[in-house]
Amino acid sequence: MAKPNYKFAKRQKELAKKKKKEEKLKRKELKKQDGFDPGDDAEADGDDGEAS
């Protein structure tokens, strides 16, 4: 029976994580470019200084 190649499996897992992280970063950058930033809306609505 052949021995499992743990180094290969580990490397593949690391590459998959890196690829997923890069894709997530690209999606975040695209959202910023489109002008969608949920953090801005929350700050603008909450800090206007008026009591309702």
N, C-alpha and C. Protein backbone atom coordinates (compact mmCIF):
# COMPACT_ATOMS: atom_id res chain seq x y z
N MET A 1 0.84 -1.18 0.00
CA MET A 1 0.00 0.00 0.00
C MET A 1 0.89 1.25 0.00
N ALA A 2 0.50 2.25 -0.77
CA ALA A 2 1.29 3.47 -0.88
C ALA A 2 1.08 4.38 0.33
N LYS A 3 2.13 5.13 0.65
CA LYS A 3 2.03 6.07 1.77
C LYS A 3 1.31 7.33 1.30
N PRO A 4 0.50 7.92 2.16
CA PRO A 4 -0.13 9.19 1.79
C PRO A 4 0.90 10.31 1.73
N ASN A 5 0.73 11.19 0.77
CA ASN A 5 1.65 12.31 0.60
C ASN A 5 1.05 13.54 1.29
N TYR A 6 1.35 13.68 2.57
CA TYR A 6 0.76 14.75 3.35
C TYR A 6 1.24 16.13 2.91
N LYS A 7 2.47 16.23 2.44
CA LYS A 7 2.98 17.52 1.98
C LYS A 7 2.18 18.03 0.79
N PHE A 8 1.84 17.12 -0.13
CA PHE A 8 1.06 17.51 -1.29
C PHE A 8 -0.32 17.99 -0.87
N ALA A 9 -0.96 17.25 0.03
CA ALA A 9 -2.30 17.63 0.49
C ALA A 9 -2.27 18.98 1.21
N LYS A 10 -1.23 19.19 2.02
CA LYS A 10 -1.11 20.45 2.74
C LYS A 10 -0.93 21.61 1.77
N ARG A 11 -0.09 21.41 0.77
CA ARG A 11 0.16 22.47 -0.22
C ARG A 11 -1.11 22.80 -0.99
N GLN A 12 -1.87 21.77 -1.36
CA GLN A 12 -3.11 22.00 -2.09
C GLN A 12 -4.10 22.78 -1.23
N LYS A 13 -4.16 22.45 0.05
CA LYS A 13 -5.05 23.15 0.97
C LYS A 13 -4.64 24.61 1.11
N GLU A 14 -3.33 24.86 1.23
CA GLU A 14 -2.83 26.23 1.34
C GLU A 14 -3.14 27.03 0.09
N LEU A 15 -2.97 26.42 -1.08
CA LEU A 15 -3.26 27.11 -2.33
C LEU A 15 -4.75 27.45 -2.44
N ALA A 16 -5.60 26.54 -2.02
CA ALA A 16 -7.04 26.77 -2.06
C ALA A 16 -7.42 27.93 -1.13
N LYS A 17 -6.82 27.97 0.05
CA LYS A 17 -7.09 29.07 0.99
C LYS A 17 -6.65 30.40 0.40
N LYS A 18 -5.46 30.41 -0.21
CA LYS A 18 -4.92 31.64 -0.79
C LYS A 18 -5.82 32.14 -1.91
N LYS A 19 -6.27 31.22 -2.76
CA LYS A 19 -7.13 31.59 -3.88
C LYS A 19 -8.46 32.16 -3.37
N LYS A 20 -9.03 31.52 -2.37
CA LYS A 20 -10.30 31.97 -1.81
C LYS A 20 -10.15 33.36 -1.18
N LYS A 21 -9.03 33.57 -0.48
CA LYS A 21 -8.77 34.86 0.16
C LYS A 21 -8.64 35.97 -0.88
N GLU A 22 -7.93 35.68 -1.98
CA GLU A 22 -7.75 36.68 -3.04
C GLU A 22 -9.08 37.01 -3.70
N GLU A 23 -9.93 35.99 -3.93
CA GLU A 23 -11.23 36.24 -4.54
C GLU A 23 -12.10 37.10 -3.62
N LYS A 24 -12.04 36.83 -2.33
CA LYS A 24 -12.82 37.60 -1.37
C LYS A 24 -12.35 39.06 -1.36
N LEU A 25 -11.04 39.27 -1.42
CA LEU A 25 -10.49 40.62 -1.44
C LEU A 25 -10.94 41.36 -2.70
N LYS A 26 -10.95 40.67 -3.84
CA LYS A 26 -11.40 41.29 -5.09
C LYS A 26 -12.86 41.70 -4.99
N ARG A 27 -13.70 40.83 -4.40
CA ARG A 27 -15.12 41.16 -4.25
C ARG A 27 -15.30 42.39 -3.38
N LYS A 28 -14.52 42.49 -2.30
CA LYS A 28 -14.61 43.65 -1.42
C LYS A 28 -14.20 44.92 -2.16
N GLU A 29 -13.14 44.84 -2.97
CA GLU A 29 -12.68 46.00 -3.72
C GLU A 29 -13.73 46.44 -4.74
N LEU A 30 -14.39 45.48 -5.38
CA LEU A 30 -15.43 45.82 -6.35
C LEU A 30 -16.60 46.51 -5.66
N LYS A 31 -16.97 46.06 -4.48
CA LYS A 31 -18.06 46.70 -3.74
C LYS A 31 -17.69 48.13 -3.38
N LYS A 32 -16.43 48.35 -2.99
CA LYS A 32 -15.98 49.70 -2.66
C LYS A 32 -16.04 50.61 -3.89
N GLN A 33 -15.62 50.08 -5.04
CA GLN A 33 -15.61 50.87 -6.26
C GLN A 33 -17.03 51.24 -6.69
N ASP A 34 -17.98 50.35 -6.43
CA ASP A 34 -19.37 50.62 -6.80
C ASP A 34 -20.02 51.61 -5.85
N GLY A 35 -19.34 51.98 -4.79
CA GLY A 35 -19.86 52.96 -3.86
C GLY A 35 -20.69 52.34 -2.76
N PHE A 36 -20.72 51.05 -2.65
CA PHE A 36 -21.48 50.37 -1.61
C PHE A 36 -20.58 50.11 -0.43
N ASP A 37 -20.83 50.81 0.68
CA ASP A 37 -20.07 50.60 1.90
C ASP A 37 -21.03 50.72 3.08
N PRO A 38 -21.48 49.59 3.61
CA PRO A 38 -22.48 49.63 4.68
C PRO A 38 -22.01 50.36 5.93
N GLY A 39 -20.73 50.45 6.17
CA GLY A 39 -20.20 51.16 7.33
C GLY A 39 -20.50 52.65 7.27
N ASP A 40 -20.47 53.24 6.09
CA ASP A 40 -20.74 54.66 5.94
C ASP A 40 -22.19 54.98 6.28
N ASP A 41 -23.13 54.16 5.85
CA ASP A 41 -24.55 54.39 6.11
C ASP A 41 -24.84 54.36 7.60
N ALA A 42 -24.29 53.41 8.31
CA ALA A 42 -24.54 53.27 9.74
C ALA A 42 -23.99 54.47 10.50
N GLU A 43 -22.83 54.95 10.13
CA GLU A 43 -22.25 56.09 10.81
C GLU A 43 -23.03 57.37 10.52
N ALA A 44 -23.47 57.55 9.30
CA ALA A 44 -24.18 58.75 8.91
C ALA A 44 -25.53 58.83 9.60
N ASP A 45 -26.23 57.72 9.74
CA ASP A 45 -27.55 57.71 10.35
C ASP A 45 -27.48 57.86 11.87
N GLY A 46 -26.47 57.35 12.50
CA GLY A 46 -26.39 57.33 13.95
C GLY A 46 -25.78 58.57 14.57
N ASP A 47 -24.99 59.33 13.88
CA ASP A 47 -24.24 60.43 14.47
C ASP A 47 -24.68 61.80 13.95
N ASP A 48 -25.98 62.00 13.75
CA ASP A 48 -26.39 63.30 13.23
C ASP A 48 -26.68 64.28 14.36
N GLY A 49 -26.70 63.84 15.63
CA GLY A 49 -26.82 64.74 16.75
C GLY A 49 -28.24 65.14 17.09
N GLU A 50 -29.23 64.69 16.37
CA GLU A 50 -30.62 65.03 16.65
C GLU A 50 -31.27 63.96 17.51
N ALA A 51 -32.11 64.39 18.44
CA ALA A 51 -32.85 63.43 19.25
C ALA A 51 -34.22 63.22 18.62
N SER A 52 -34.61 61.99 18.44
CA SER A 52 -35.90 61.71 17.81
C SER A 52 -36.97 61.49 18.84
